[in-house]
Amino acid sequence: MCRTAMGAGGCNTERFRSTDFIHFEEYIGITWLNSEQYEAWRIVGSKSSKADSITKVTQG
């Protein structure tokens, strides 16, 4: 299933995403791994300061 993203403010800025409409992740910024750019995501409600998942940024 594809993820569903909901943005606030801009057309291309995703703020929240979910694959099942139950468990949501919130975009928390950009991170770098091995000199490659990734989007960092945290589970909504998490108290952690670290990302729960990352998604590689691709240049379109």
C-alpha atoms as a PDB file:
ATOM      1  CA  MET A   1       0.000   0.000   0.000  1.00  0.00           C
ATOM      2  CA  CYS A   2       1.242   3.482  -0.777  1.00  0.00           C
ATOM      3  CA  ARG A   3       1.695   5.972   2.001  1.00  0.00           C
ATOM      4  CA  THR A   4      -0.803   8.758   2.373  1.00  0.00           C
ATOM      5  CA  ALA A   5       0.635  12.172   3.129  1.00  0.00           C
ATOM      6  CA  MET A   6      -1.150  15.214   4.429  1.00  0.00           C
ATOM      7  CA  GLY A   7       0.533  18.579   4.081  1.00  0.00           C
ATOM      8  CA  ALA A   8      -0.031  21.862   5.795  1.00  0.00           C
ATOM      9  CA  GLY A   9       0.936  25.102   4.139  1.00  0.00           C
ATOM     10  CA  GLY A  10       2.595  24.102   0.893  1.00  0.00           C
ATOM     11  CA  CYS A  11       1.808  21.849  -2.011  1.00  0.00           C
ATOM     12  CA  ASN A  12       4.942  19.728  -1.763  1.00  0.00           C
ATOM     13  CA  THR A  13       5.522  19.654   1.981  1.00  0.00           C
ATOM     14  CA  GLU A  14       4.315  16.515   3.703  1.00  0.00           C
ATOM     15  CA  ARG A  15       3.839  16.933   7.437  1.00  0.00           C
ATOM     16  CA  PHE A  16       2.220  13.613   8.374  1.00  0.00           C
ATOM     17  CA  ARG A  17       2.089  10.238   6.656  1.00  0.00           C
ATOM     18  CA  SER A  18       0.420   6.870   7.171  1.00  0.00           C
ATOM     19  CA  THR A  19       0.171   3.603   5.285  1.00  0.00           C
ATOM     20  CA  ASP A  20      -2.973   2.441   7.097  1.00  0.00           C
ATOM     21  CA  PHE A  21      -4.737   5.619   8.343  1.00  0.00           C
ATOM     22  CA  ILE A  22      -4.205   4.421  11.929  1.00  0.00           C
ATOM     23  CA  HIS A  23      -0.471   4.744  12.599  1.00  0.00           C
ATOM     24  CA  PHE A  24       0.892   8.158  11.644  1.00  0.00           C
ATOM     25  CA  GLU A  25       4.400   9.556  11.455  1.00  0.00           C
ATOM     26  CA  GLU A  26       5.338  13.238  11.646  1.00  0.00           C
ATOM     27  CA  TYR A  27       8.075  14.811   9.506  1.00  0.00           C
ATOM     28  CA  ILE A  28      10.833  16.137  11.780  1.00  0.00           C
ATOM     29  CA  GLY A  29      13.437  17.351   9.298  1.00  0.00           C
ATOM     30  CA  ILE A  30      16.381  16.336   7.175  1.00  0.00           C
ATOM     31  CA  THR A  31      19.175  13.998   8.218  1.00  0.00           C
ATOM     32  CA  TRP A  32      22.303  12.770   6.435  1.00  0.00           C
ATOM     33  CA  LEU A  33      23.622   9.216   6.222  1.00  0.00           C
ATOM     34  CA  ASN A  34      26.764   8.316   4.255  1.00  0.00           C
ATOM     35  CA  SER A  35      26.679  11.747   2.539  1.00  0.00           C
ATOM     36  CA  GLU A  36      23.108  11.145   1.296  1.00  0.00           C
ATOM     37  CA  GLN A  37      20.074  13.229   2.262  1.00  0.00           C
ATOM     38  CA  TYR A  38      17.096  11.619   4.032  1.00  0.00           C
ATOM     39  CA  GLU A  39      13.783  12.832   5.471  1.00  0.00           C
ATOM     40  CA  ALA A  40      13.427  11.972   9.159  1.00  0.00           C
ATOM     41  CA  TRP A  41      10.065  10.755  10.505  1.00  0.00           C
ATOM     42  CA  ARG A  42       8.876  10.130  14.084  1.00  0.00           C
ATOM     43  CA  ILE A  43       5.783   8.251  15.243  1.00  0.00           C
ATOM     44  CA  VAL A  44       3.122  10.740  16.347  1.00  0.00           C
ATOM     45  CA  GLY A  45       3.096  10.871  20.138  1.00  0.00           C
ATOM     46  CA  SER A  46       6.656   9.559  20.497  1.00  0.00           C
ATOM     47  CA  LYS A  47       8.787  11.232  23.166  1.00  0.00           C
ATOM     48  CA  SER A  48      12.031  10.191  21.441  1.00  0.00           C
ATOM     49  CA  SER A  49      14.356  12.833  20.020  1.00  0.00           C
ATOM     50  CA  LYS A  50      15.473  10.397  17.308  1.00  0.00           C
ATOM     51  CA  ALA A  51      13.745   9.483  14.059  1.00  0.00           C
ATOM     52  CA  ASP A  52      11.740   6.256  13.949  1.00  0.00           C
ATOM     53  CA  SER A  53      12.241   5.982  10.174  1.00  0.00           C
ATOM     54  CA  ILE A  54      14.025   7.743   7.345  1.00  0.00           C
ATOM     55  CA  THR A  55      13.242   8.047   3.639  1.00  0.00           C
ATOM     56  CA  LYS A  56      15.904   8.798   1.040  1.00  0.00           C
ATOM     57  CA  VAL A  57      15.435  12.103  -0.750  1.00  0.00           C
ATOM     58  CA  THR A  58      15.537  11.627  -4.515  1.00  0.00           C
ATOM     59  CA  GLN A  59      16.150  14.411  -6.945  1.00  0.00           C
ATOM     60  CA  GLY A  60      13.374  14.446  -9.533  1.00  0.00           C
END
